[in-house]
Amino acid sequence: MTRASSVVRRHRCPRPGFARRVPHPNDRRATVIELTDAGRAAHRRVYTTHADRAAALFAALSPADQQHLARILARLAETLAATSAAEGKPLDLDPTGFRVDPDRTPM
């Protein structure tokens, strides 16, 4: 990440105190931006809320429909990754991420 984009991202933090700059461990010219404890807590709250909403949304689908959707999304991810790689812009996509977790239920 360039210095300019990291500054922009840091300024976009919702509240001060969510991230801090620390020296890069191996390159004294570089700075690393890391989440503070407050930033990690906010991330957990947002992620948990998002995951719960997604689980509730997908609960409207039958298990068979969920499996079918997961297969379609995996196929689309594979196609997107292949197309991007062919254009010289490889993406780091893991199509196995599109799977149905039968143990995950909406809260």
C-alpha atoms as a PDB file:
ATOM      1  CA  MET A   1       0.000   0.000   0.000  1.00  0.00           C
ATOM      2  CA  THR A   2       1.367   3.414  -0.856  1.00  0.00           C
ATOM      3  CA  ARG A   3       1.787   6.090   1.776  1.00  0.00           C
ATOM      4  CA  ALA A   4      -0.905   8.221   0.155  1.00  0.00           C
ATOM      5  CA  SER A   5      -3.489   5.434   0.089  1.00  0.00           C
ATOM      6  CA  SER A   6      -2.701   4.461   3.671  1.00  0.00           C
ATOM      7  CA  VAL A   7      -3.210   8.055   4.795  1.00  0.00           C
ATOM      8  CA  VAL A   8      -6.518   8.195   2.940  1.00  0.00           C
ATOM      9  CA  ARG A   9      -7.622   4.903   4.504  1.00  0.00           C
ATOM     10  CA  ARG A  10      -6.596   6.035   7.959  1.00  0.00           C
ATOM     11  CA  HIS A  11      -8.493   9.296   7.558  1.00  0.00           C
ATOM     12  CA  ARG A  12     -11.555   7.289   6.593  1.00  0.00           C
ATOM     13  CA  CYS A  13     -11.594   5.482   9.942  1.00  0.00           C
ATOM     14  CA  PRO A  14     -14.944   6.222  11.527  1.00  0.00           C
ATOM     15  CA  ARG A  15     -13.423   7.512  14.744  1.00  0.00           C
ATOM     16  CA  PRO A  16      -9.960   8.402  15.919  1.00  0.00           C
ATOM     17  CA  GLY A  17      -8.329   5.697  17.975  1.00  0.00           C
ATOM     18  CA  PHE A  18      -9.269   2.759  15.749  1.00  0.00           C
ATOM     19  CA  ALA A  19      -5.854   2.561  14.081  1.00  0.00           C
ATOM     20  CA  ARG A  20      -2.323   3.669  14.808  1.00  0.00           C
ATOM     21  CA  ARG A  21       0.949   3.965  12.964  1.00  0.00           C
ATOM     22  CA  VAL A  22       3.850   1.811  14.071  1.00  0.00           C
ATOM     23  CA  PRO A  23       7.322   1.406  12.614  1.00  0.00           C
ATOM     24  CA  HIS A  24       7.711  -1.447  10.151  1.00  0.00           C
ATOM     25  CA  PRO A  25       9.616  -4.239  11.898  1.00  0.00           C
ATOM     26  CA  ASN A  26      12.099  -4.777   9.045  1.00  0.00           C
ATOM     27  CA  ASP A  27      12.145  -1.503   7.096  1.00  0.00           C
ATOM     28  CA  ARG A  28      12.808   1.649   9.073  1.00  0.00           C
ATOM     29  CA  ARG A  29      11.640   3.763   6.109  1.00  0.00           C
ATOM     30  CA  ALA A  30       8.146   2.269   6.265  1.00  0.00           C
ATOM     31  CA  THR A  31       5.233   2.656   8.614  1.00  0.00           C
ATOM     32  CA  VAL A  32       2.598   0.034   9.308  1.00  0.00           C
ATOM     33  CA  ILE A  33      -0.963   0.907  10.205  1.00  0.00           C
ATOM     34  CA  GLU A  34      -2.502  -1.503  12.677  1.00  0.00           C
ATOM     35  CA  LEU A  35      -5.814  -1.698  14.461  1.00  0.00           C
ATOM     36  CA  THR A  36      -5.948  -0.699  18.095  1.00  0.00           C
ATOM     37  CA  ASP A  37      -7.912  -2.708  20.649  1.00  0.00           C
ATOM     38  CA  ALA A  38     -10.849  -0.365  19.993  1.00  0.00           C
ATOM     39  CA  GLY A  39     -10.483  -0.937  16.249  1.00  0.00           C
ATOM     40  CA  ARG A  40     -10.437  -4.706  16.670  1.00  0.00           C
ATOM     41  CA  ALA A  41     -13.501  -4.555  18.934  1.00  0.00           C
ATOM     42  CA  ALA A  42     -15.359  -2.420  16.380  1.00  0.00           C
ATOM     43  CA  HIS A  43     -14.389  -4.845  13.614  1.00  0.00           C
ATOM     44  CA  ARG A  44     -15.707  -7.796  15.645  1.00  0.00           C
ATOM     45  CA  ARG A  45     -19.020  -6.002  16.275  1.00  0.00           C
ATOM     46  CA  VAL A  46     -19.469  -5.073  12.630  1.00  0.00           C
ATOM     47  CA  TYR A  47     -18.418  -8.494  11.354  1.00  0.00           C
ATOM     48  CA  THR A  48     -20.682 -10.318  13.797  1.00  0.00           C
ATOM     49  CA  THR A  49     -23.651  -8.147  12.812  1.00  0.00           C
ATOM     50  CA  HIS A  50     -22.904  -8.684   9.121  1.00  0.00           C
ATOM     51  CA  ALA A  51     -22.499 -12.447   9.544  1.00  0.00           C
ATOM     52  CA  ASP A  52     -25.751 -12.712  11.502  1.00  0.00           C
ATOM     53  CA  ARG A  53     -27.647 -10.735   8.858  1.00  0.00           C
ATOM     54  CA  ALA A  54     -26.197 -12.865   6.071  1.00  0.00           C
ATOM     55  CA  ALA A  55     -27.102 -16.061   7.931  1.00  0.00           C
ATOM     56  CA  ALA A  56     -30.678 -14.827   8.409  1.00  0.00           C
ATOM     57  CA  LEU A  57     -30.899 -13.932   4.726  1.00  0.00           C
ATOM     58  CA  PHE A  58     -29.654 -17.326   3.553  1.00  0.00           C
ATOM     59  CA  ALA A  59     -31.885 -19.116   6.043  1.00  0.00           C
ATOM     60  CA  ALA A  60     -34.740 -18.177   3.702  1.00  0.00           C
ATOM     61  CA  LEU A  61     -33.279 -20.660   1.197  1.00  0.00           C
ATOM     62  CA  SER A  62     -33.703 -24.383   1.513  1.00  0.00           C
ATOM     63  CA  PRO A  63     -30.525 -26.392   2.136  1.00  0.00           C
ATOM     64  CA  ALA A  64     -30.629 -27.581  -1.480  1.00  0.00           C
ATOM     65  CA  ASP A  65     -30.963 -23.995  -2.739  1.00  0.00           C
ATOM     66  CA  GLN A  66     -28.065 -22.920  -0.505  1.00  0.00           C
ATOM     67  CA  GLN A  67     -25.862 -25.660  -1.965  1.00  0.00           C
ATOM     68  CA  HIS A  68     -26.902 -24.691  -5.501  1.00  0.00           C
ATOM     69  CA  LEU A  69     -26.133 -21.014  -4.847  1.00  0.00           C
ATOM     70  CA  ALA A  70     -22.749 -21.944  -3.354  1.00  0.00           C
ATOM     71  CA  ARG A  71     -21.876 -23.928  -6.504  1.00  0.00           C
ATOM     72  CA  ILE A  72     -22.913 -21.021  -8.761  1.00  0.00           C
ATOM     73  CA  LEU A  73     -20.892 -18.498  -6.729  1.00  0.00           C
ATOM     74  CA  ALA A  74     -17.839 -20.773  -6.781  1.00  0.00           C
ATOM     75  CA  ARG A  75     -18.120 -21.119 -10.559  1.00  0.00           C
ATOM     76  CA  LEU A  76     -18.396 -17.339 -10.952  1.00  0.00           C
ATOM     77  CA  ALA A  77     -15.370 -16.816  -8.683  1.00  0.00           C
ATOM     78  CA  GLU A  78     -13.336 -19.318 -10.714  1.00  0.00           C
ATOM     79  CA  THR A  79     -14.338 -17.596 -13.976  1.00  0.00           C
ATOM     80  CA  LEU A  80     -13.518 -14.162 -12.571  1.00  0.00           C
ATOM     81  CA  ALA A  81     -10.132 -15.364 -11.325  1.00  0.00           C
ATOM     82  CA  ALA A  82      -9.303 -17.022 -14.671  1.00  0.00           C
ATOM     83  CA  THR A  83     -10.399 -13.976 -16.684  1.00  0.00           C
ATOM     84  CA  SER A  84      -8.426 -11.608 -14.467  1.00  0.00           C
ATOM     85  CA  ALA A  85      -5.324 -13.804 -14.660  1.00  0.00           C
ATOM     86  CA  ALA A  86      -5.597 -13.916 -18.465  1.00  0.00           C
ATOM     87  CA  GLU A  87      -5.717 -10.093 -18.454  1.00  0.00           C
ATOM     88  CA  GLY A  88      -2.545  -9.997 -16.364  1.00  0.00           C
ATOM     89  CA  LYS A  89      -4.428  -8.880 -13.240  1.00  0.00           C
ATOM     90  CA  PRO A  90      -4.562 -12.016 -11.084  1.00  0.00           C
ATOM     91  CA  LEU A  91      -6.950 -12.021  -8.163  1.00  0.00           C
ATOM     92  CA  ASP A  92      -6.495 -13.869  -4.916  1.00  0.00           C
ATOM     93  CA  LEU A  93      -9.886 -15.576  -4.781  1.00  0.00           C
ATOM     94  CA  ASP A  94     -10.581 -18.755  -2.915  1.00  0.00           C
ATOM     95  CA  PRO A  95     -13.651 -20.386  -4.496  1.00  0.00           C
ATOM     96  CA  THR A  96     -13.839 -22.802  -1.583  1.00  0.00           C
ATOM     97  CA  GLY A  97     -15.035 -19.811   0.438  1.00  0.00           C
ATOM     98  CA  PHE A  98     -18.427 -20.261  -1.212  1.00  0.00           C
ATOM     99  CA  ARG A  99     -19.752 -23.133   0.784  1.00  0.00           C
ATOM    100  CA  VAL A 100     -22.660 -23.739   3.068  1.00  0.00           C
ATOM    101  CA  ASP A 101     -21.844 -24.285   6.712  1.00  0.00           C
ATOM    102  CA  PRO A 102     -24.629 -26.501   8.053  1.00  0.00           C
ATOM    103  CA  ASP A 103     -23.566 -25.703  11.624  1.00  0.00           C
ATOM    104  CA  ARG A 104     -24.035 -21.950  11.177  1.00  0.00           C
ATOM    105  CA  THR A 105     -27.532 -20.863  12.094  1.00  0.00           C
ATOM    106  CA  PRO A 106     -28.962 -17.347  12.358  1.00  0.00           C
ATOM    107  CA  MET A 107     -28.793 -15.897  15.829  1.00  0.00           C
END
